[in-house]
Amino acid sequence: MSNGIISLPLLHGVLGPYDEAIVFGGIGALLVGLGWLSWRASKEKEQRRKKRRAKRKS
């Protein structure tokens, strides 16, 4: 084990006055990205369902 202690400061004040905004912005961007992926998957699922229904009718 090394003698040097590595200091990991908390976010408060490390990146300036807007460090919490940066973190929450990143979390928000992640949530928006996941929401978009979910929306896209549901649209593709709906299209597959419509194709399957169209095959049954013909």
C-alpha atoms as a PDB file:
ATOM      1  CA  MET A   1       0.000   0.000   0.000  1.00  0.00           C
ATOM      2  CA  SER A   2       1.339   3.425  -0.851  1.00  0.00           C
ATOM      3  CA  ASN A   3       2.063   6.107   1.700  1.00  0.00           C
ATOM      4  CA  GLY A   4       0.495   8.823  -0.436  1.00  0.00           C
ATOM      5  CA  ILE A   5      -3.158   9.466   0.304  1.00  0.00           C
ATOM      6  CA  ILE A   6      -5.193  10.199  -2.806  1.00  0.00           C
ATOM      7  CA  SER A   7      -7.660  12.978  -2.182  1.00  0.00           C
ATOM      8  CA  LEU A   8     -10.960  12.750  -4.066  1.00  0.00           C
ATOM      9  CA  PRO A   9     -12.832  15.964  -3.381  1.00  0.00           C
ATOM     10  CA  LEU A  10     -16.601  15.979  -3.563  1.00  0.00           C
ATOM     11  CA  LEU A  11     -18.335  17.848  -6.360  1.00  0.00           C
ATOM     12  CA  HIS A  12     -19.375  20.873  -4.310  1.00  0.00           C
ATOM     13  CA  GLY A  13     -17.189  23.681  -5.567  1.00  0.00           C
ATOM     14  CA  VAL A  14     -14.692  21.558  -7.488  1.00  0.00           C
ATOM     15  CA  LEU A  15     -15.821  22.511 -11.006  1.00  0.00           C
ATOM     16  CA  GLY A  16     -17.018  25.981 -10.094  1.00  0.00           C
ATOM     17  CA  PRO A  17     -20.407  27.313  -9.057  1.00  0.00           C
ATOM     18  CA  TYR A  18     -22.335  25.229 -11.613  1.00  0.00           C
ATOM     19  CA  ASP A  19     -21.032  21.743 -10.828  1.00  0.00           C
ATOM     20  CA  GLU A  20     -24.436  20.453  -9.668  1.00  0.00           C
ATOM     21  CA  ALA A  21     -26.019  21.799 -12.857  1.00  0.00           C
ATOM     22  CA  ILE A  22     -23.470  19.834 -14.886  1.00  0.00           C
ATOM     23  CA  VAL A  23     -24.254  16.618 -13.002  1.00  0.00           C
ATOM     24  CA  PHE A  24     -28.023  17.073 -13.182  1.00  0.00           C
ATOM     25  CA  GLY A  25     -27.733  18.049 -16.847  1.00  0.00           C
ATOM     26  CA  GLY A  26     -25.893  14.806 -17.532  1.00  0.00           C
ATOM     27  CA  ILE A  27     -28.537  12.811 -15.682  1.00  0.00           C
ATOM     28  CA  GLY A  28     -31.252  14.650 -17.602  1.00  0.00           C
ATOM     29  CA  ALA A  29     -29.535  13.943 -20.910  1.00  0.00           C
ATOM     30  CA  LEU A  30     -29.321  10.269 -19.973  1.00  0.00           C
ATOM     31  CA  LEU A  31     -33.042  10.177 -19.162  1.00  0.00           C
ATOM     32  CA  VAL A  32     -33.918  11.909 -22.434  1.00  0.00           C
ATOM     33  CA  GLY A  33     -31.766   9.430 -24.361  1.00  0.00           C
ATOM     34  CA  LEU A  34     -33.397   6.441 -22.666  1.00  0.00           C
ATOM     35  CA  GLY A  35     -36.839   7.920 -23.284  1.00  0.00           C
ATOM     36  CA  TRP A  36     -36.063   8.374 -26.967  1.00  0.00           C
ATOM     37  CA  LEU A  37     -34.832   4.792 -27.281  1.00  0.00           C
ATOM     38  CA  SER A  38     -37.990   3.540 -25.586  1.00  0.00           C
ATOM     39  CA  TRP A  39     -40.192   5.635 -27.899  1.00  0.00           C
ATOM     40  CA  ARG A  40     -38.364   4.353 -30.979  1.00  0.00           C
ATOM     41  CA  ALA A  41     -38.714   0.740 -29.850  1.00  0.00           C
ATOM     42  CA  SER A  42     -42.448   1.199 -29.269  1.00  0.00           C
ATOM     43  CA  LYS A  43     -42.895   2.713 -32.748  1.00  0.00           C
ATOM     44  CA  GLU A  44     -41.059  -0.238 -34.339  1.00  0.00           C
ATOM     45  CA  LYS A  45     -43.185  -2.666 -32.336  1.00  0.00           C
ATOM     46  CA  GLU A  46     -46.353  -0.932 -33.565  1.00  0.00           C
ATOM     47  CA  GLN A  47     -45.179  -1.205 -37.180  1.00  0.00           C
ATOM     48  CA  ARG A  48     -44.506  -4.932 -36.796  1.00  0.00           C
ATOM     49  CA  ARG A  49     -47.954  -5.373 -35.275  1.00  0.00           C
ATOM     50  CA  LYS A  50     -49.590  -3.530 -38.184  1.00  0.00           C
ATOM     51  CA  LYS A  51     -47.750  -5.727 -40.703  1.00  0.00           C
ATOM     52  CA  ARG A  52     -48.860  -8.869 -38.883  1.00  0.00           C
ATOM     53  CA  ARG A  53     -52.490  -7.687 -38.862  1.00  0.00           C
ATOM     54  CA  ALA A  54     -52.328  -6.829 -42.562  1.00  0.00           C
ATOM     55  CA  LYS A  55     -51.088 -10.361 -43.382  1.00  0.00           C
ATOM     56  CA  ARG A  56     -53.967 -11.897 -41.447  1.00  0.00           C
ATOM     57  CA  LYS A  57     -56.581  -9.850 -43.323  1.00  0.00           C
ATOM     58  CA  SER A  58     -55.325 -10.800 -46.792  1.00  0.00           C
END
